[in-house]
Amino acid sequence: MGLGAIERCLENFFEKVGRGVGTHPIKTLVGSVVFTIACGGGFAFLSSETRPEKQWVPAGSLALEHNDYVSATWPGNARFNFFPA
């Protein structure tokens, strides 16, 4: 029983990749490092969001408007005191 068309195609593809890496290892290494740096460059633009209502509630929803109204009308001035027992 012979290989199917898909297996043969995958086998040929990975053979070409292996031969390319084997014949040009420095180019492959440099290309991999450049690709990793290019993909990792997006971390400079990453911002952290810690407010749960901004993370889990869709933007522009009525719940956000109600939350803003409640926060403006009844400001919370609760303190949390933790006493070790």
Protein backbone atom coordinates (compact mmCIF):
# COMPACT_ATOMS: atom_id res chain seq x y z
CA MET A 1 0.00 0.00 0.00
CA GLY A 2 1.49 3.36 -1.02
CA LEU A 3 1.37 6.71 0.66
CA GLY A 4 -1.60 8.93 0.06
CA ALA A 5 -1.32 12.28 -1.67
CA ILE A 6 -1.47 14.23 1.60
CA GLU A 7 1.24 12.19 3.29
CA ARG A 8 3.46 12.44 0.21
CA CYS A 9 2.97 16.22 0.07
CA LEU A 10 3.81 16.63 3.76
CA GLU A 11 6.82 14.36 3.45
CA ASN A 12 8.17 16.37 0.52
CA PHE A 13 7.56 19.66 2.30
CA PHE A 14 9.39 18.65 5.48
CA GLU A 15 12.22 17.13 3.46
CA LYS A 16 12.71 20.48 1.68
CA VAL A 17 12.60 22.35 4.99
CA GLY A 18 15.15 19.97 6.49
CA ARG A 19 17.47 20.25 3.51
CA GLY A 20 17.20 24.04 3.58
CA VAL A 21 18.02 24.22 7.29
CA GLY A 22 20.83 21.70 6.88
CA THR A 23 22.48 23.54 4.00
CA HIS A 24 22.02 27.07 5.42
CA PRO A 25 22.14 26.81 9.24
CA ILE A 26 23.44 30.35 9.89
CA LYS A 27 20.79 31.96 7.67
CA THR A 28 18.14 29.87 9.42
CA LEU A 29 19.39 30.89 12.86
CA VAL A 30 19.56 34.59 11.98
CA GLY A 31 16.12 34.46 10.37
CA SER A 32 14.64 32.78 13.43
CA VAL A 33 16.13 35.38 15.78
CA VAL A 34 14.92 38.26 13.58
CA PHE A 35 11.43 36.74 13.38
CA THR A 36 11.30 36.29 17.17
CA ILE A 37 12.40 39.87 17.81
CA ALA A 38 9.86 41.18 15.28
CA CYS A 39 7.04 39.23 16.93
CA GLY A 40 8.17 40.17 20.44
CA GLY A 41 8.31 43.86 19.56
CA GLY A 42 4.58 44.11 20.16
CA PHE A 43 5.11 43.75 23.90
CA ALA A 44 6.26 47.38 23.96
CA PHE A 45 2.70 48.42 23.09
CA LEU A 46 1.02 46.13 25.62
CA SER A 47 -1.07 47.82 28.30
CA SER A 48 -2.52 46.16 31.35
CA GLU A 49 -6.20 46.54 32.24
CA THR A 50 -7.15 45.76 35.82
CA ARG A 51 -10.74 47.04 35.94
CA PRO A 52 -13.09 44.07 35.61
CA GLU A 53 -15.94 46.12 34.14
CA LYS A 54 -13.68 47.16 31.25
CA GLN A 55 -12.44 43.60 30.69
CA TRP A 56 -15.67 41.63 30.81
CA VAL A 57 -18.48 44.04 29.85
CA PRO A 58 -18.83 45.04 26.17
CA ALA A 59 -17.92 48.65 25.36
CA GLY A 60 -20.91 50.95 25.04
CA SER A 61 -23.27 48.69 26.99
CA LEU A 62 -26.00 49.95 29.29
CA ALA A 63 -24.37 48.25 32.28
CA LEU A 64 -21.30 50.50 31.95
CA GLU A 65 -23.50 53.59 31.88
CA HIS A 66 -25.31 52.40 35.01
CA ASN A 67 -21.99 51.69 36.71
CA ASP A 68 -20.75 55.21 35.91
CA TYR A 69 -24.00 56.69 37.25
CA VAL A 70 -23.84 54.70 40.49
CA SER A 71 -20.17 55.55 41.01
CA ALA A 72 -20.84 59.26 40.47
CA THR A 73 -24.00 59.37 42.61
CA TRP A 74 -22.83 57.25 45.52
CA PRO A 75 -19.06 57.42 45.75
CA GLY A 76 -17.61 54.58 47.73
CA ASN A 77 -15.46 55.57 50.62
CA ALA A 78 -15.18 52.14 52.22
CA ARG A 79 -11.93 51.11 53.79
CA PHE A 80 -10.69 47.62 54.17
CA ASN A 81 -8.91 46.87 57.41
CA PHE A 82 -7.22 43.54 57.78
CA PHE A 83 -6.23 42.65 61.31
CA PRO A 84 -4.11 39.60 61.87
CA ALA A 85 -5.67 37.32 64.46
